[in-house]
Amino acid sequence: MRRAFITGITGQDGSYLADFLLAKGYEVHGLTRTESPARADRIQHLRDNPRLVLHFGDLCDAMALYRIIHKVQPHEVYNLAAQSHVGLSFDSPDHTANVTGMGALRVLEAITQSGCKPRFYQASSSEMFGKVVEAPQSERTPFYPRSPYGVAKAFGHWMTVNYRESHSLHASSGILFNHESPRRGEAFVTRKITKAIARIKAGMQHSLALGNLDARRDWGFAPEYVEAMWLMLQQDQPGDYVIATGETHSVREFVATAFDHVGLDWHAFVVIDPKFIRPTEVDLLVGDASKARRVLGWEPRTRFVDLVRLMVDADMDALEEEVARSQWGESCRTEKFVEQPQLVSQV
């Protein structure tokens, strides 16, 4: 039985990768922080699977990483954990560098010191391209990161290249462009939009505050992107791969498509709040995934419009279930205080 170790298993990508690998018969080991149970709902459906093992720790603890990897002796290691919110990285650059950048180095070093020779995947990011010098962006496009997050990802990316070349490690990086799903964190703009729409449609929210609507991104479906991660580690030779759809859409288009899906005019609800404008913006990201198509045989399958609609539908359903549970709970509490008829004993 093949063993895989996933850092960031409770995140969007980590949870989908766990689903994917377990379906293929892997024994899956995941790294999760001790305070992560609040976010563990993404893998709650896997908790009874005997082939899922969780280990507590984080990317700032080099010794914990070494102990886990030495104990597990994984065949594959996927480093997906990070402080991955671009906006937050401006407020916490030191933390972002420590977790997202140095964290990748700690995992690589733990592997080399553990005595095992797993195949390694590093989650690189299209944010490394930043102020792009060409479009579309490929594996040969120079990096020009525009945020502490992008800089930290570039550090982890080049460390992966260095360990591949200096330690003969089968180490690959996936330069993934934006990939979304119903499991996307609520702080990310796509999920912020779809969750707000569900609440607006239900009359529970009256406006949605956003920043730059003109920023353009290449959006794909997360479950398809984790498949590309696995495919990279099945190749005879390691390498770096851009994973993208090759299409670019603005935040404005995402907003319009999402509101239109529920029959609402977005102009009536969206307001621009300057606090959501980043100090330096990445205006355009669109990837050239030709290498992934040619070498991995990977293709994106979910269209932009379908992605937006499925995310809106998921948040509509989730809100409906939340309201139903709340009403059921309130009903139960009320029944406890309903006066019961007195029983009269017969003499």
Protein backbone atom coordinates (compact mmCIF):
# COMPACT_ATOMS: atom_id res chain seq x y z
CA MET A 1 0.00 0.00 0.00
CA ARG A 2 1.44 3.36 -1.01
CA ARG A 3 1.70 6.02 1.69
CA ALA A 4 1.29 9.74 1.14
CA PHE A 5 1.94 12.59 3.55
CA ILE A 6 -0.04 15.81 3.02
CA THR A 7 0.67 19.06 4.83
CA GLY A 8 -2.40 21.29 4.95
CA ILE A 9 -4.80 18.35 4.71
CA THR A 10 -7.68 20.36 6.22
CA GLY A 11 -7.48 23.00 3.48
CA GLN A 12 -9.36 23.03 0.19
CA ASP A 13 -6.63 21.30 -1.83
CA GLY A 14 -5.53 19.00 0.97
CA SER A 15 -9.03 17.65 1.52
CA TYR A 16 -9.64 17.03 -2.18
CA LEU A 17 -6.22 15.38 -2.51
CA ALA A 18 -7.03 13.13 0.46
CA ASP A 19 -10.28 12.12 -1.27
CA PHE A 20 -8.39 11.40 -4.48
CA LEU A 21 -5.58 9.37 -2.93
CA LEU A 22 -7.85 7.33 -0.66
CA ALA A 23 -9.96 6.44 -3.68
CA LYS A 24 -6.77 5.12 -5.29
CA GLY A 25 -6.03 2.89 -2.31
CA TYR A 26 -3.36 4.99 -0.60
CA GLU A 27 -2.73 5.20 3.11
CA VAL A 28 -2.95 8.94 3.70
CA HIS A 29 -1.16 10.77 6.51
CA GLY A 30 -2.01 14.41 7.08
CA LEU A 31 -0.45 17.26 9.03
CA THR A 32 -2.88 19.43 10.95
CA ARG A 33 -2.36 22.12 13.57
CA THR A 34 -3.72 21.50 17.06
CA GLU A 35 -6.11 24.43 16.65
CA SER A 36 -7.42 23.17 13.31
CA PRO A 37 -10.53 21.22 14.45
CA ALA A 38 -12.68 24.27 13.67
CA ARG A 39 -11.68 23.87 10.01
CA ALA A 40 -11.66 20.06 9.96
CA ASP A 41 -15.16 19.94 8.47
CA ARG A 42 -13.54 19.53 5.03
CA ILE A 43 -12.26 16.08 6.02
CA GLN A 44 -15.01 15.16 8.49
CA HIS A 45 -16.45 12.70 5.97
CA LEU A 46 -13.12 10.83 6.00
CA ARG A 47 -12.66 10.51 9.77
CA ASP A 48 -13.88 6.89 9.89
CA ASN A 49 -11.57 5.78 7.11
CA PRO A 50 -8.91 3.49 8.65
CA ARG A 51 -6.43 4.55 5.96
CA LEU A 52 -6.45 8.19 7.11
CA VAL A 53 -3.99 9.10 9.88
CA LEU A 54 -3.66 12.65 11.24
CA HIS A 55 -0.51 14.04 12.84
CA PHE A 56 -0.45 17.26 14.85
CA GLY A 57 2.19 19.85 14.02
CA ASP A 58 2.91 22.73 11.67
CA LEU A 59 5.47 23.98 9.17
CA CYS A 60 7.27 26.07 11.80
CA ASP A 61 8.31 22.97 13.77
CA ALA A 62 11.25 21.38 11.94
CA MET A 63 11.73 18.58 14.46
CA ALA A 64 8.06 17.57 14.32
CA LEU A 65 8.24 17.40 10.53
CA TYR A 66 11.35 15.23 10.72
CA ARG A 67 9.81 12.86 13.30
CA ILE A 68 6.61 12.42 11.29
CA ILE A 69 8.32 11.84 7.95
CA HIS A 70 10.88 9.47 9.54
CA LYS A 71 8.07 7.50 11.20
CA VAL A 72 5.69 7.38 8.24
CA GLN A 73 8.34 6.78 5.54
CA PRO A 74 5.97 8.08 2.84
CA HIS A 75 6.30 7.30 -0.84
CA GLU A 76 4.91 10.74 -1.72
CA VAL A 77 4.93 14.07 0.14
CA TYR A 78 2.61 16.92 -0.86
CA ASN A 79 3.41 20.29 0.72
CA LEU A 80 0.13 22.20 0.52
CA ALA A 81 0.16 24.01 3.87
CA ALA A 82 0.72 27.76 3.81
CA GLN A 83 -0.50 31.13 4.93
CA SER A 84 -2.25 31.41 1.59
CA HIS A 85 -4.27 34.62 1.79
CA VAL A 86 -2.63 37.29 -0.36
CA GLY A 87 -4.31 40.23 1.36
CA LEU A 88 -3.39 38.98 4.83
CA SER A 89 0.24 38.58 3.77
CA PHE A 90 0.58 42.38 3.63
CA ASP A 91 -0.48 42.58 7.29
CA SER A 92 1.60 39.56 8.38
CA PRO A 93 4.64 39.39 6.10
CA ASP A 94 6.90 37.79 8.72
CA HIS A 95 4.40 35.03 9.49
CA THR A 96 3.78 34.47 5.79
CA ALA A 97 7.49 34.17 5.05
CA ASN A 98 8.00 31.80 7.98
CA VAL A 99 5.14 29.45 7.11
CA THR A 100 4.84 29.69 3.34
CA GLY A 101 8.50 30.14 2.45
CA MET A 102 10.60 28.63 5.23
CA GLY A 103 7.96 25.95 5.77
CA ALA A 104 8.71 24.49 2.36
CA LEU A 105 12.43 24.45 3.19
CA ARG A 106 11.76 22.66 6.49
CA VAL A 107 9.78 19.93 4.74
CA LEU A 108 12.52 19.46 2.13
CA GLU A 109 15.21 19.27 4.80
CA ALA A 110 13.16 16.84 6.89
CA ILE A 111 12.92 14.58 3.86
CA THR A 112 16.67 14.61 3.23
CA GLN A 113 17.42 13.91 6.91
CA SER A 114 14.79 11.19 7.30
CA GLY A 115 16.56 8.55 5.26
CA CYS A 116 13.60 7.99 2.94
CA LYS A 117 13.41 9.09 -0.69
CA PRO A 118 9.81 10.09 -1.34
CA ARG A 119 8.64 11.98 -4.36
CA PHE A 120 7.90 15.56 -3.36
CA TYR A 121 5.29 18.03 -4.57
CA GLN A 122 5.53 21.75 -3.80
CA ALA A 123 2.44 23.92 -4.14
CA SER A 124 3.77 26.89 -6.08
CA SER A 125 1.47 29.70 -7.18
CA SER A 126 0.64 31.93 -10.10
CA GLU A 127 1.08 34.83 -7.66
CA MET A 128 4.82 34.37 -8.22
CA PHE A 129 4.35 35.93 -11.67
CA GLY A 130 2.83 39.05 -10.10
CA LYS A 131 3.54 42.00 -12.36
CA VAL A 132 3.58 39.81 -15.44
CA VAL A 133 6.10 40.41 -18.22
CA GLU A 134 4.17 38.31 -20.74
CA ALA A 135 0.78 36.70 -21.23
CA PRO A 136 -0.01 33.90 -21.01
CA GLN A 137 2.44 32.78 -18.35
CA SER A 138 4.33 29.50 -18.75
CA GLU A 139 7.09 27.65 -16.88
CA ARG A 140 9.62 29.92 -18.63
CA THR A 141 8.00 33.23 -17.62
CA PRO A 142 10.14 35.23 -15.12
CA PHE A 143 8.73 35.80 -11.64
CA TYR A 144 7.85 39.28 -10.39
CA PRO A 145 5.84 38.73 -7.17
CA ARG A 146 3.78 41.65 -5.91
CA SER A 147 2.93 40.49 -2.37
CA PRO A 148 4.72 38.90 0.60
CA TYR A 149 2.76 35.74 -0.24
CA GLY A 150 4.07 35.71 -3.80
CA VAL A 151 7.64 36.31 -2.60
CA ALA A 152 7.37 33.49 -0.05
CA LYS A 153 6.01 31.11 -2.71
CA ALA A 154 8.88 32.03 -5.03
CA PHE A 155 11.34 31.15 -2.25
CA GLY A 156 9.69 27.75 -1.73
CA HIS A 157 9.65 27.15 -5.48
CA TRP A 158 13.35 27.82 -5.95
CA MET A 159 14.21 25.77 -2.86
CA THR A 160 12.39 22.87 -4.48
CA VAL A 161 14.46 23.31 -7.63
CA ASN A 162 17.63 23.50 -5.53
CA TYR A 163 16.90 20.29 -3.61
CA ARG A 164 15.98 18.55 -6.84
CA GLU A 165 19.33 19.44 -8.35
CA SER A 166 21.60 19.22 -5.29
CA HIS A 167 20.06 16.18 -3.55
CA SER A 168 18.76 14.27 -6.60
CA LEU A 169 15.27 14.49 -5.07
CA HIS A 170 12.27 13.68 -7.24
CA ALA A 171 10.78 17.12 -6.50
CA SER A 172 8.15 18.82 -8.66
CA SER A 173 6.34 22.13 -8.36
CA GLY A 174 2.85 22.82 -9.59
CA ILE A 175 2.45 26.48 -10.52
CA LEU A 176 -1.28 26.45 -9.97
CA PHE A 177 -3.43 29.32 -11.11
CA ASN A 178 -6.56 30.19 -9.12
CA HIS A 179 -8.66 27.12 -8.42
CA GLU A 180 -11.94 27.28 -6.56
CA SER A 181 -14.66 25.04 -5.13
CA PRO A 182 -17.36 24.96 -2.45
CA ARG A 183 -14.54 24.10 -0.02
CA ARG A 184 -12.71 27.37 -0.72
CA GLY A 185 -12.00 29.41 2.40
CA GLU A 186 -14.53 32.15 3.11
CA ALA A 187 -11.82 34.84 3.16
CA PHE A 188 -11.13 34.33 -0.56
CA VAL A 189 -13.01 36.63 -2.89
CA THR A 190 -14.81 33.90 -4.86
CA ARG A 191 -16.26 32.24 -1.79
CA LYS A 192 -16.96 35.61 -0.19
CA ILE A 193 -19.08 36.42 -3.23
CA THR A 194 -21.01 33.14 -3.42
CA LYS A 195 -21.71 33.00 0.31
CA ALA A 196 -22.92 36.60 0.33
CA ILE A 197 -25.26 35.89 -2.59
CA ALA A 198 -26.88 33.04 -0.68
CA ARG A 199 -27.46 35.35 2.30
CA ILE A 200 -28.70 38.22 0.12
CA LYS A 201 -31.14 35.92 -1.67
CA ALA A 202 -32.43 34.77 1.73
CA GLY A 203 -32.85 38.36 2.96
CA MET A 204 -30.13 37.92 5.60
CA GLN A 205 -27.62 40.36 4.04
CA HIS A 206 -28.13 43.56 2.08
CA SER A 207 -24.77 44.39 0.49
CA LEU A 208 -21.42 42.94 -0.51
CA ALA A 209 -18.21 44.98 -0.07
CA LEU A 210 -15.41 44.23 -2.53
CA GLY A 211 -12.16 45.79 -3.72
CA ASN A 212 -10.75 45.80 -7.24
CA LEU A 213 -13.33 44.41 -9.69
CA ASP A 214 -11.02 44.75 -12.69
CA ALA A 215 -8.38 42.23 -11.58
CA ARG A 216 -8.38 39.29 -14.00
CA ARG A 217 -7.69 35.69 -13.01
CA ASP A 218 -7.51 32.23 -14.55
CA TRP A 219 -10.06 30.24 -12.52
CA GLY A 220 -10.32 26.45 -12.49
CA PHE A 221 -11.97 23.71 -10.40
CA ALA A 222 -9.88 22.52 -7.43
CA PRO A 223 -10.60 18.73 -7.62
CA GLU A 224 -9.19 18.69 -11.17
CA TYR A 225 -6.05 20.52 -10.03
CA VAL A 226 -5.20 18.03 -7.27
CA GLU A 227 -5.28 15.30 -9.91
CA ALA A 228 -2.53 17.22 -11.72
CA MET A 229 -0.46 17.21 -8.51
CA TRP A 230 -0.62 13.42 -8.37
CA LEU A 231 0.20 13.07 -12.05
CA MET A 232 3.42 15.05 -11.57
CA LEU A 233 4.68 12.53 -9.02
CA GLN A 234 3.92 9.60 -11.32
CA GLN A 235 6.39 10.80 -13.96
CA ASP A 236 9.83 9.25 -14.37
CA GLN A 237 11.45 12.68 -14.23
CA PRO A 238 10.50 15.55 -11.89
CA GLY A 239 9.68 19.00 -13.23
CA ASP A 240 7.67 22.19 -12.89
CA TYR A 241 4.23 22.56 -14.44
CA VAL A 242 1.79 25.41 -14.96
CA ILE A 243 -1.76 24.22 -14.20
CA ALA A 244 -4.41 26.55 -15.61
CA THR A 245 -7.41 26.79 -17.92
CA GLY A 246 -5.90 29.31 -20.34
CA GLU A 247 -8.91 31.63 -19.90
CA THR A 248 -9.00 34.85 -17.93
CA HIS A 249 -12.03 36.52 -16.33
CA SER A 250 -12.36 39.61 -14.17
CA VAL A 251 -13.73 39.71 -10.64
CA ARG A 252 -16.53 41.78 -12.15
CA GLU A 253 -17.40 38.88 -14.49
CA PHE A 254 -17.40 36.46 -11.57
CA VAL A 255 -19.74 38.77 -9.63
CA ALA A 256 -22.09 39.29 -12.59
CA THR A 257 -22.26 35.56 -13.40
CA ALA A 258 -22.91 34.62 -9.78
CA PHE A 259 -25.68 37.19 -9.20
CA ASP A 260 -27.27 36.42 -12.56
CA HIS A 261 -27.50 32.75 -11.59
CA VAL A 262 -29.96 33.64 -8.81
CA GLY A 263 -31.79 36.31 -10.80
CA LEU A 264 -30.33 39.38 -9.07
CA ASP A 265 -28.74 42.55 -10.44
CA TRP A 266 -25.32 42.82 -8.82
CA HIS A 267 -25.22 46.61 -9.20
CA ALA A 268 -27.91 46.87 -6.52
CA PHE A 269 -25.83 45.08 -3.89
CA VAL A 270 -22.08 45.45 -4.53
CA VAL A 271 -20.19 48.37 -3.01
CA ILE A 272 -16.49 49.17 -3.39
CA ASP A 273 -14.61 49.43 -0.11
CA PRO A 274 -11.08 50.94 -0.31
CA LYS A 275 -9.88 48.75 2.56
CA PHE A 276 -10.01 45.76 0.20
CA ILE A 277 -7.67 47.41 -2.31
CA ARG A 278 -4.20 45.86 -2.01
CA PRO A 279 -1.06 48.06 -1.82
CA THR A 280 0.22 46.40 -5.02
CA GLU A 281 -2.21 44.63 -7.32
CA VAL A 282 -1.73 41.76 -9.73
CA ASP A 283 -3.79 42.88 -12.71
CA LEU A 284 -3.74 39.88 -15.04
CA LEU A 285 -3.01 36.19 -14.63
CA VAL A 286 -3.62 33.62 -17.36
CA GLY A 287 -1.71 30.37 -17.66
CA ASP A 288 -0.30 28.34 -20.51
CA ALA A 289 -0.68 24.69 -19.46
CA SER A 290 0.69 23.26 -22.71
CA LYS A 291 3.41 21.29 -20.90
CA ALA A 292 0.89 19.69 -18.53
CA ARG A 293 -1.29 18.72 -21.47
CA ARG A 294 1.64 17.25 -23.36
CA VAL A 295 3.51 15.46 -20.56
CA LEU A 296 0.83 14.70 -17.97
CA GLY A 297 -2.14 14.32 -20.27
CA TRP A 298 -3.99 16.74 -17.98
CA GLU A 299 -6.88 18.90 -19.18
CA PRO A 300 -9.24 21.26 -17.30
CA ARG A 301 -12.81 20.07 -17.65
CA THR A 302 -15.00 22.57 -15.77
CA ARG A 303 -15.95 25.79 -17.55
CA PHE A 304 -15.85 29.14 -15.76
CA VAL A 305 -19.63 29.63 -15.84
CA ASP A 306 -20.27 26.13 -14.51
CA LEU A 307 -17.72 26.66 -11.72
CA VAL A 308 -19.39 29.88 -10.58
CA ARG A 309 -22.83 28.30 -10.66
CA LEU A 310 -21.86 25.19 -8.72
CA MET A 311 -20.27 27.34 -6.00
CA VAL A 312 -23.39 29.51 -5.71
CA ASP A 313 -25.63 26.44 -5.58
CA ALA A 314 -23.47 24.86 -2.87
CA ASP A 315 -23.65 27.96 -0.67
CA MET A 316 -27.40 28.25 -1.24
CA ASP A 317 -27.85 24.63 -0.15
CA ALA A 318 -25.52 25.06 2.82
CA LEU A 319 -27.42 28.12 4.06
CA GLU A 320 -30.74 26.32 3.66
CA GLU A 321 -29.44 23.42 5.77
CA GLU A 322 -28.04 25.83 8.36
CA VAL A 323 -31.38 27.63 8.69
CA ALA A 324 -33.24 24.30 8.94
CA ARG A 325 -30.90 23.10 11.72
CA SER A 326 -31.31 26.40 13.54
CA GLN A 327 -35.08 26.25 13.33
CA TRP A 328 -35.08 22.62 14.47
CA GLY A 329 -32.86 23.49 17.44
CA GLU A 330 -35.06 26.45 18.38
CA SER A 331 -38.13 24.20 18.14
CA CYS A 332 -36.53 21.68 20.49
CA ARG A 333 -35.64 24.39 23.00
CA THR A 334 -39.17 25.81 22.87
CA GLU A 335 -40.77 22.43 23.48
CA LYS A 336 -38.85 22.05 26.73
CA PHE A 337 -40.65 25.08 28.14
CA VAL A 338 -44.14 24.25 26.95
CA GLU A 339 -46.30 23.62 29.99
CA GLN A 340 -47.30 19.97 30.16
CA PRO A 341 -50.84 18.98 31.24
CA GLN A 342 -51.15 17.93 34.88
CA LEU A 343 -51.80 14.28 35.57
CA VAL A 344 -54.56 13.79 38.15
CA SER A 345 -54.29 10.66 40.19
CA GLN A 346 -57.43 8.73 40.75
CA VAL A 347 -58.25 7.90 44.39
